[in-house]
Amino acid sequence: AYHRAFPEEDRLFSSPVSTFEPTRRRANVSNVNTI
């Protein structure tokens, strides 16, 4: 959705587009067999 909504470029910037990056994910359950 982000990339559809903001396709603009601005060549003043060294990365000319808006960026949206998933980063940190916190720990959830400690065992494999729990949803």
All heavy atoms as atom14 arrays in JSON, in Angstrom:
{
  "sequence": "AYHRAFPEEDRLFSSPVSTFEPTRRRANVSNVNTI",
  "atom14_mask": [
    [1, 1, 1, 1, 1, 0, 0, 0, 0, 0, 0, 0, 0, 0],
    [1, 1, 1, 1, 1, 1, 1, 1, 1, 1, 1, 1, 0, 0],
    [1, 1, 1, 1, 1, 1, 1, 1, 1, 1, 0, 0, 0, 0],
    [1, 1, 1, 1, 1, 1, 1, 1, 1, 1, 1, 0, 0, 0],
    [1, 1, 1, 1, 1, 0, 0, 0, 0, 0, 0, 0, 0, 0],
    [1, 1, 1, 1, 1, 1, 1, 1, 1, 1, 1, 0, 0, 0],
    [1, 1, 1, 1, 1, 1, 1, 0, 0, 0, 0, 0, 0, 0],
    [1, 1, 1, 1, 1, 1, 1, 1, 1, 0, 0, 0, 0, 0],
    [1, 1, 1, 1, 1, 1, 1, 1, 1, 0, 0, 0, 0, 0],
    [1, 1, 1, 1, 1, 1, 1, 1, 0, 0, 0, 0, 0, 0],
    [1, 1, 1, 1, 1, 1, 1, 1, 1, 1, 1, 0, 0, 0],
    [1, 1, 1, 1, 1, 1, 1, 1, 0, 0, 0, 0, 0, 0],
    [1, 1, 1, 1, 1, 1, 1, 1, 1, 1, 1, 0, 0, 0],
    [1, 1, 1, 1, 1, 1, 0, 0, 0, 0, 0, 0, 0, 0],
    [1, 1, 1, 1, 1, 1, 0, 0, 0, 0, 0, 0, 0, 0],
    [1, 1, 1, 1, 1, 1, 1, 0, 0, 0, 0, 0, 0, 0],
    [1, 1, 1, 1, 1, 1, 1, 0, 0, 0, 0, 0, 0, 0],
    [1, 1, 1, 1, 1, 1, 0, 0, 0, 0, 0, 0, 0, 0],
    [1, 1, 1, 1, 1, 1, 1, 0, 0, 0, 0, 0, 0, 0],
    [1, 1, 1, 1, 1, 1, 1, 1, 1, 1, 1, 0, 0, 0],
    [1, 1, 1, 1, 1, 1, 1, 1, 1, 0, 0, 0, 0, 0],
    [1, 1, 1, 1, 1, 1, 1, 0, 0, 0, 0, 0, 0, 0],
    [1, 1, 1, 1, 1, 1, 1, 0, 0, 0, 0, 0, 0, 0],
    [1, 1, 1, 1, 1, 1, 1, 1, 1, 1, 1, 0, 0, 0],
    [1, 1, 1, 1, 1, 1, 1, 1, 1, 1, 1, 0, 0, 0],
    [1, 1, 1, 1, 1, 1, 1, 1, 1, 1, 1, 0, 0, 0],
    [1, 1, 1, 1, 1, 0, 0, 0, 0, 0, 0, 0, 0, 0],
    [1, 1, 1, 1, 1, 1, 1, 1, 0, 0, 0, 0, 0, 0],
    [1, 1, 1, 1, 1, 1, 1, 0, 0, 0, 0, 0, 0, 0],
    [1, 1, 1, 1, 1, 1, 0, 0, 0, 0, 0, 0, 0, 0],
    [1, 1, 1, 1, 1, 1, 1, 1, 0, 0, 0, 0, 0, 0],
    [1, 1, 1, 1, 1, 1, 1, 0, 0, 0, 0, 0, 0, 0],
    [1, 1, 1, 1, 1, 1, 1, 1, 0, 0, 0, 0, 0, 0],
    [1, 1, 1, 1, 1, 1, 1, 0, 0, 0, 0, 0, 0, 0],
    [1, 1, 1, 1, 1, 1, 1, 1, 0, 0, 0, 0, 0, 0]
  ],
  "atom14_positions": [
    [[0.83, -1.21, 0.0], [0.0, 0.0, 0.0], [0.86, 1.26, 0.0], [0.54, 2.24, -0.69], [-0.93, 0.0, 1.21], [0.0, 0.0, 0.0], [0.0, 0.0, 0.0], [0.0, 0.0, 0.0], [0.0, 0.0, 0.0], [0.0, 0.0, 0.0], [0.0, 0.0, 0.0], [0.0, 0.0, 0.0], [0.0, 0.0, 0.0], [0.0, 0.0, 0.0]],
    [[1.93, 1.24, 0.77], [2.83, 2.39, 0.79], [3.38, 2.7, -0.59], [3.37, 3.84, -1.05], [4.02, 2.1, 1.73], [3.77, 2.33, 3.2], [4.3, 1.45, 4.14], [3.06, 3.43, 3.67], [4.12, 1.65, 5.5], [2.87, 3.64, 5.02], [3.4, 2.75, 5.93], [3.23, 2.95, 7.28], [0.0, 0.0, 0.0], [0.0, 0.0, 0.0]],
    [[3.87, 1.66, -1.26], [4.51, 1.9, -2.55], [3.51, 2.28, -3.63], [3.85, 3.0, -4.57], [5.33, 0.67, -2.95], [6.59, 0.51, -2.15], [6.66, -0.26, -1.01], [7.82, 1.07, -2.28], [7.88, -0.2, -0.5], [8.59, 0.6, -1.25], [0.0, 0.0, 0.0], [0.0, 0.0, 0.0], [0.0, 0.0, 0.0], [0.0, 0.0, 0.0]],
    [[2.27, 1.82, -3.51], [1.23, 2.29, -4.44], [0.9, 3.76, -4.19], [0.69, 4.53, -5.14], [-0.04, 1.46, -4.29], [-0.01, 0.09, -4.9], [-1.42, -0.49, -5.02], [-2.13, -0.49, -3.75], [-2.1, -1.49, -2.87], [-1.37, -2.57, -3.14], [-2.78, -1.43, -1.74], [0.0, 0.0, 0.0], [0.0, 0.0, 0.0], [0.0, 0.0, 0.0]],
    [[0.86, 4.14, -2.92], [0.41, 5.49, -2.57], [1.48, 6.55, -2.83], [1.15, 7.72, -3.08], [-0.02, 5.54, -1.1], [0.0, 0.0, 0.0], [0.0, 0.0, 0.0], [0.0, 0.0, 0.0], [0.0, 0.0, 0.0], [0.0, 0.0, 0.0], [0.0, 0.0, 0.0], [0.0, 0.0, 0.0], [0.0, 0.0, 0.0], [0.0, 0.0, 0.0]],
    [[2.76, 6.16, -2.77], [3.83, 7.14, -2.87], [4.87, 6.73, -3.91], [5.99, 6.35, -3.58], [4.5, 7.32, -1.5], [3.54, 7.64, -0.4], [3.26, 6.71, 0.59], [2.89, 8.86, -0.36], [2.37, 6.99, 1.61], [1.99, 9.16, 0.65], [1.72, 8.22, 1.63], [0.0, 0.0, 0.0], [0.0, 0.0, 0.0], [0.0, 0.0, 0.0]],
    [[4.51, 6.82, -5.19], [5.46, 6.45, -6.24], [6.38, 7.6, -6.66], [7.25, 7.41, -7.51], [4.53, 6.07, -7.4], [3.35, 6.99, -7.22], [3.17, 7.15, -5.73], [0.0, 0.0, 0.0], [0.0, 0.0, 0.0], [0.0, 0.0, 0.0], [0.0, 0.0, 0.0], [0.0, 0.0, 0.0], [0.0, 0.0, 0.0], [0.0, 0.0, 0.0]],
    [[6.21, 8.79, -6.07], [6.95, 9.97, -6.52], [8.46, 9.8, -6.37], [8.94, 9.09, -5.49], [6.51, 11.21, -5.74], [5.04, 11.55, -5.84], [4.23, 10.91, -4.71], [4.77, 9.98, -4.05], [3.09, 11.32, -4.51], [0.0, 0.0, 0.0], [0.0, 0.0, 0.0], [0.0, 0.0, 0.0], [0.0, 0.0, 0.0], [0.0, 0.0, 0.0]],
    [[9.2, 10.51, -7.22], [10.64, 10.57, -7.13], [11.08, 12.02, -7.01], [10.43, 12.91, -7.56], [11.31, 9.93, -8.35], [11.08, 8.43, -8.46], [11.91, 7.81, -9.57], [12.76, 8.53, -10.15], [11.74, 6.62, -9.84], [0.0, 0.0, 0.0], [0.0, 0.0, 0.0], [0.0, 0.0, 0.0], [0.0, 0.0, 0.0], [0.0, 0.0, 0.0]],
    [[12.16, 12.24, -6.28], [12.75, 13.58, -6.17], [14.25, 13.41, -6.31], [14.92, 12.88, -5.43], [12.4, 14.21, -4.82], [12.87, 15.67, -4.73], [13.77, 16.06, -5.5], [12.35, 16.41, -3.87], [0.0, 0.0, 0.0], [0.0, 0.0, 0.0], [0.0, 0.0, 0.0], [0.0, 0.0, 0.0], [0.0, 0.0, 0.0], [0.0, 0.0, 0.0]],
    [[14.81, 13.86, -7.43], [16.21, 13.63, -7.74], [17.16, 14.45, -6.89], [18.39, 14.27, -6.98], [16.45, 13.92, -9.24], [15.77, 12.9, -10.15], [16.37, 11.52, -9.94], [15.6, 10.47, -10.63], [15.91, 9.18, -10.57], [16.95, 8.8, -9.86], [15.17, 8.29, -11.19], [0.0, 0.0, 0.0], [0.0, 0.0, 0.0], [0.0, 0.0, 0.0]],
    [[16.63, 15.34, -6.04], [17.5, 16.03, -5.09], [18.08, 15.03, -4.09], [19.19, 15.21, -3.6], [16.7, 17.11, -4.34], [17.44, 17.86, -3.22], [18.57, 18.7, -3.8], [16.48, 18.74, -2.42], [0.0, 0.0, 0.0], [0.0, 0.0, 0.0], [0.0, 0.0, 0.0], [0.0, 0.0, 0.0], [0.0, 0.0, 0.0], [0.0, 0.0, 0.0]],
    [[17.33, 13.95, -3.82], [17.73, 12.99, -2.8], [18.54, 11.85, -3.41], [18.24, 11.38, -4.51], [16.49, 12.44, -2.09], [15.79, 13.45, -1.24], [14.85, 14.31, -1.78], [16.1, 13.58, 0.1], [14.22, 15.26, -1.0], [15.47, 14.52, 0.89], [14.53, 15.37, 0.33], [0.0, 0.0, 0.0], [0.0, 0.0, 0.0], [0.0, 0.0, 0.0]],
    [[19.54, 11.39, -2.64], [20.41, 10.32, -3.15], [19.66, 9.0, -3.3], [19.99, 8.19, -4.14], [21.62, 10.14, -2.23], [21.21, 9.88, -0.91], [0.0, 0.0, 0.0], [0.0, 0.0, 0.0], [0.0, 0.0, 0.0], [0.0, 0.0, 0.0], [0.0, 0.0, 0.0], [0.0, 0.0, 0.0], [0.0, 0.0, 0.0], [0.0, 0.0, 0.0]],
    [[18.65, 8.75, -2.45], [17.67, 7.72, -2.74], [16.4, 8.47, -3.12], [15.74, 9.06, -2.26], [17.42, 6.84, -1.5], [16.42, 5.9, -1.78], [0.0, 0.0, 0.0], [0.0, 0.0, 0.0], [0.0, 0.0, 0.0], [0.0, 0.0, 0.0], [0.0, 0.0, 0.0], [0.0, 0.0, 0.0], [0.0, 0.0, 0.0], [0.0, 0.0, 0.0]],
    [[16.03, 8.5, -4.39], [15.04, 9.46, -4.87], [13.59, 9.14, -4.53], [12.7, 9.91, -4.88], [15.25, 9.44, -6.39], [15.75, 8.07, -6.67], [16.6, 7.7, -5.49], [0.0, 0.0, 0.0], [0.0, 0.0, 0.0], [0.0, 0.0, 0.0], [0.0, 0.0, 0.0], [0.0, 0.0, 0.0], [0.0, 0.0, 0.0], [0.0, 0.0, 0.0]],
    [[13.33, 8.03, -3.84], [11.95, 7.64, -3.53], [11.75, 7.54, -2.02], [12.69, 7.47, -1.24], [11.6, 6.27, -4.17], [11.66, 6.37, -5.69], [12.54, 5.18, -3.66], [0.0, 0.0, 0.0], [0.0, 0.0, 0.0], [0.0, 0.0, 0.0], [0.0, 0.0, 0.0], [0.0, 0.0, 0.0], [0.0, 0.0, 0.0], [0.0, 0.0, 0.0]],
    [[10.49, 7.55, -1.61], [10.15, 7.25, -0.22], [10.42, 5.77, 0.04], [10.17, 4.92, -0.82], [8.68, 7.56, 0.05], [8.4, 8.94, -0.13], [0.0, 0.0, 0.0], [0.0, 0.0, 0.0], [0.0, 0.0, 0.0], [0.0, 0.0, 0.0], [0.0, 0.0, 0.0], [0.0, 0.0, 0.0], [0.0, 0.0, 0.0], [0.0, 0.0, 0.0]],
    [[10.93, 5.46, 1.22], [11.23, 4.07, 1.56], [10.42, 3.64, 2.78], [10.2, 4.42, 3.7], [12.73, 3.88, 1.84], [13.13, 4.72, 2.93], [13.56, 4.23, 0.62], [0.0, 0.0, 0.0], [0.0, 0.0, 0.0], [0.0, 0.0, 0.0], [0.0, 0.0, 0.0], [0.0, 0.0, 0.0], [0.0, 0.0, 0.0], [0.0, 0.0, 0.0]],
    [[9.99, 2.37, 2.77], [9.15, 1.81, 3.82], [9.68, 0.4, 4.12], [9.44, -0.53, 3.36], [7.69, 1.76, 3.39], [7.18, 3.08, 2.87], [7.22, 3.36, 1.51], [6.69, 4.02, 3.74], [6.77, 4.59, 1.03], [6.23, 5.24, 3.27], [6.26, 5.53, 1.91], [0.0, 0.0, 0.0], [0.0, 0.0, 0.0], [0.0, 0.0, 0.0]],
    [[10.38, 0.25, 5.24], [11.06, -1.0, 5.51], [10.57, -1.65, 6.8], [10.67, -1.06, 7.88], [12.57, -0.76, 5.62], [13.21, -0.33, 4.31], [13.05, -1.37, 3.21], [13.31, -2.57, 3.48], [12.65, -1.0, 2.1], [0.0, 0.0, 0.0], [0.0, 0.0, 0.0], [0.0, 0.0, 0.0], [0.0, 0.0, 0.0], [0.0, 0.0, 0.0]],
    [[10.03, -2.9, 6.71], [9.78, -3.66, 7.94], [11.12, -4.0, 8.58], [12.05, -4.44, 7.91], [9.04, -4.9, 7.45], [9.41, -5.02, 6.01], [9.69, -3.65, 5.5], [0.0, 0.0, 0.0], [0.0, 0.0, 0.0], [0.0, 0.0, 0.0], [0.0, 0.0, 0.0], [0.0, 0.0, 0.0], [0.0, 0.0, 0.0], [0.0, 0.0, 0.0]],
    [[11.22, -3.77, 9.9], [12.52, -3.96, 10.56], [12.39, -4.88, 11.77], [12.31, -6.08, 11.63], [13.12, -2.6, 10.96], [12.18, -1.87, 11.77], [13.47, -1.77, 9.74], [0.0, 0.0, 0.0], [0.0, 0.0, 0.0], [0.0, 0.0, 0.0], [0.0, 0.0, 0.0], [0.0, 0.0, 0.0], [0.0, 0.0, 0.0], [0.0, 0.0, 0.0]],
    [[12.32, -4.32, 12.96], [12.36, -5.12, 14.18], [11.1, -5.96, 14.36], [10.0, -5.51, 14.08], [12.52, -4.18, 15.39], [12.6, -4.91, 16.72], [12.81, -3.92, 17.85], [11.66, -3.04, 18.02], [11.69, -1.93, 18.75], [12.81, -1.54, 19.32], [10.61, -1.19, 18.89], [0.0, 0.0, 0.0], [0.0, 0.0, 0.0], [0.0, 0.0, 0.0]],
    [[11.31, -7.19, 14.84], [10.19, -8.05, 15.21], [10.48, -8.62, 16.6], [11.53, -9.22, 16.82], [10.01, -9.19, 14.21], [8.7, -9.93, 14.39], [8.22, -10.47, 13.07], [6.85, -10.96, 13.14], [6.1, -11.24, 12.09], [6.57, -11.04, 10.88], [4.87, -11.68, 12.22], [0.0, 0.0, 0.0], [0.0, 0.0, 0.0], [0.0, 0.0, 0.0]],
    [[9.57, -8.42, 17.52], [9.79, -8.87, 18.89], [9.5, -10.37, 19.0], [8.72, -10.93, 18.24], [8.9, -8.09, 19.86], [9.22, -6.6, 19.9], [8.52, -5.91, 21.04], [8.76, -4.48, 21.04], [9.82, -3.9, 21.6], [10.75, -4.65, 22.18], [9.96, -2.58, 21.57], [0.0, 0.0, 0.0], [0.0, 0.0, 0.0], [0.0, 0.0, 0.0]],
    [[10.15, -11.01, 19.98], [9.94, -12.44, 20.21], [8.49, -12.72, 20.6], [7.85, -11.92, 21.28], [10.87, -12.93, 21.31], [0.0, 0.0, 0.0], [0.0, 0.0, 0.0], [0.0, 0.0, 0.0], [0.0, 0.0, 0.0], [0.0, 0.0, 0.0], [0.0, 0.0, 0.0], [0.0, 0.0, 0.0], [0.0, 0.0, 0.0], [0.0, 0.0, 0.0]],
    [[7.97, -13.85, 20.12], [6.59, -14.22, 20.51], [6.66, -15.43, 21.45], [7.09, -15.32, 22.57], [5.71, -14.46, 19.28], [6.36, -15.37, 18.24], [7.12, -16.27, 18.57], [6.04, -15.12, 16.99], [0.0, 0.0, 0.0], [0.0, 0.0, 0.0], [0.0, 0.0, 0.0], [0.0, 0.0, 0.0], [0.0, 0.0, 0.0], [0.0, 0.0, 0.0]],
    [[6.26, -16.59, 20.99], [6.29, -17.78, 21.84], [7.69, -18.41, 21.8], [8.43, -18.23, 20.85], [5.24, -18.82, 21.4], [3.83, -18.26, 21.64], [5.43, -19.18, 19.94], [0.0, 0.0, 0.0], [0.0, 0.0, 0.0], [0.0, 0.0, 0.0], [0.0, 0.0, 0.0], [0.0, 0.0, 0.0], [0.0, 0.0, 0.0], [0.0, 0.0, 0.0]],
    [[8.02, -19.17, 22.84], [9.36, -19.74, 22.93], [9.44, -21.16, 22.37], [10.53, -21.71, 22.25], [9.82, -19.76, 24.4], [8.91, -20.5, 25.2], [0.0, 0.0, 0.0], [0.0, 0.0, 0.0], [0.0, 0.0, 0.0], [0.0, 0.0, 0.0], [0.0, 0.0, 0.0], [0.0, 0.0, 0.0], [0.0, 0.0, 0.0], [0.0, 0.0, 0.0]],
    [[8.3, -21.77, 22.04], [8.32, -23.14, 21.52], [7.63, -23.21, 20.17], [6.8, -22.37, 19.82], [7.63, -24.09, 22.51], [6.22, -23.64, 22.86], [6.02, -22.49, 23.23], [5.24, -24.52, 22.76], [0.0, 0.0, 0.0], [0.0, 0.0, 0.0], [0.0, 0.0, 0.0], [0.0, 0.0, 0.0], [0.0, 0.0, 0.0], [0.0, 0.0, 0.0]],
    [[7.97, -24.23, 19.4], [7.48, -24.34, 18.03], [6.01, -24.73, 17.97], [5.28, -24.31, 17.06], [8.33, -25.37, 17.25], [7.75, -25.61, 15.86], [9.78, -24.9, 17.16], [0.0, 0.0, 0.0], [0.0, 0.0, 0.0], [0.0, 0.0, 0.0], [0.0, 0.0, 0.0], [0.0, 0.0, 0.0], [0.0, 0.0, 0.0], [0.0, 0.0, 0.0]],
    [[5.52, -25.48, 18.92], [4.18, -26.04, 18.79], [3.1, -25.21, 19.5], [2.1, -25.74, 19.95], [4.16, -27.49, 19.3], [4.55, -27.59, 20.76], [5.28, -26.75, 21.26], [4.09, -28.65, 21.43], [0.0, 0.0, 0.0], [0.0, 0.0, 0.0], [0.0, 0.0, 0.0], [0.0, 0.0, 0.0], [0.0, 0.0, 0.0], [0.0, 0.0, 0.0]],
    [[3.31, -23.9, 19.58], [2.28, -23.0, 20.1], [2.01, -21.9, 19.08], [2.94, -21.26, 18.57], [2.71, -22.36, 21.43], [2.79, -23.36, 22.43], [1.71, -21.3, 21.89], [0.0, 0.0, 0.0], [0.0, 0.0, 0.0], [0.0, 0.0, 0.0], [0.0, 0.0, 0.0], [0.0, 0.0, 0.0], [0.0, 0.0, 0.0], [0.0, 0.0, 0.0]],
    [[0.75, -21.72, 18.77], [0.33, -20.62, 17.9], [0.38, -19.33, 18.71], [-0.26, -19.24, 19.76], [-1.09, -20.86, 17.35], [-1.07, -22.0, 16.33], [-1.66, -19.59, 16.74], [-2.45, -22.41, 15.87], [0.0, 0.0, 0.0], [0.0, 0.0, 0.0], [0.0, 0.0, 0.0], [0.0, 0.0, 0.0], [0.0, 0.0, 0.0], [0.0, 0.0, 0.0]]
  ]
}
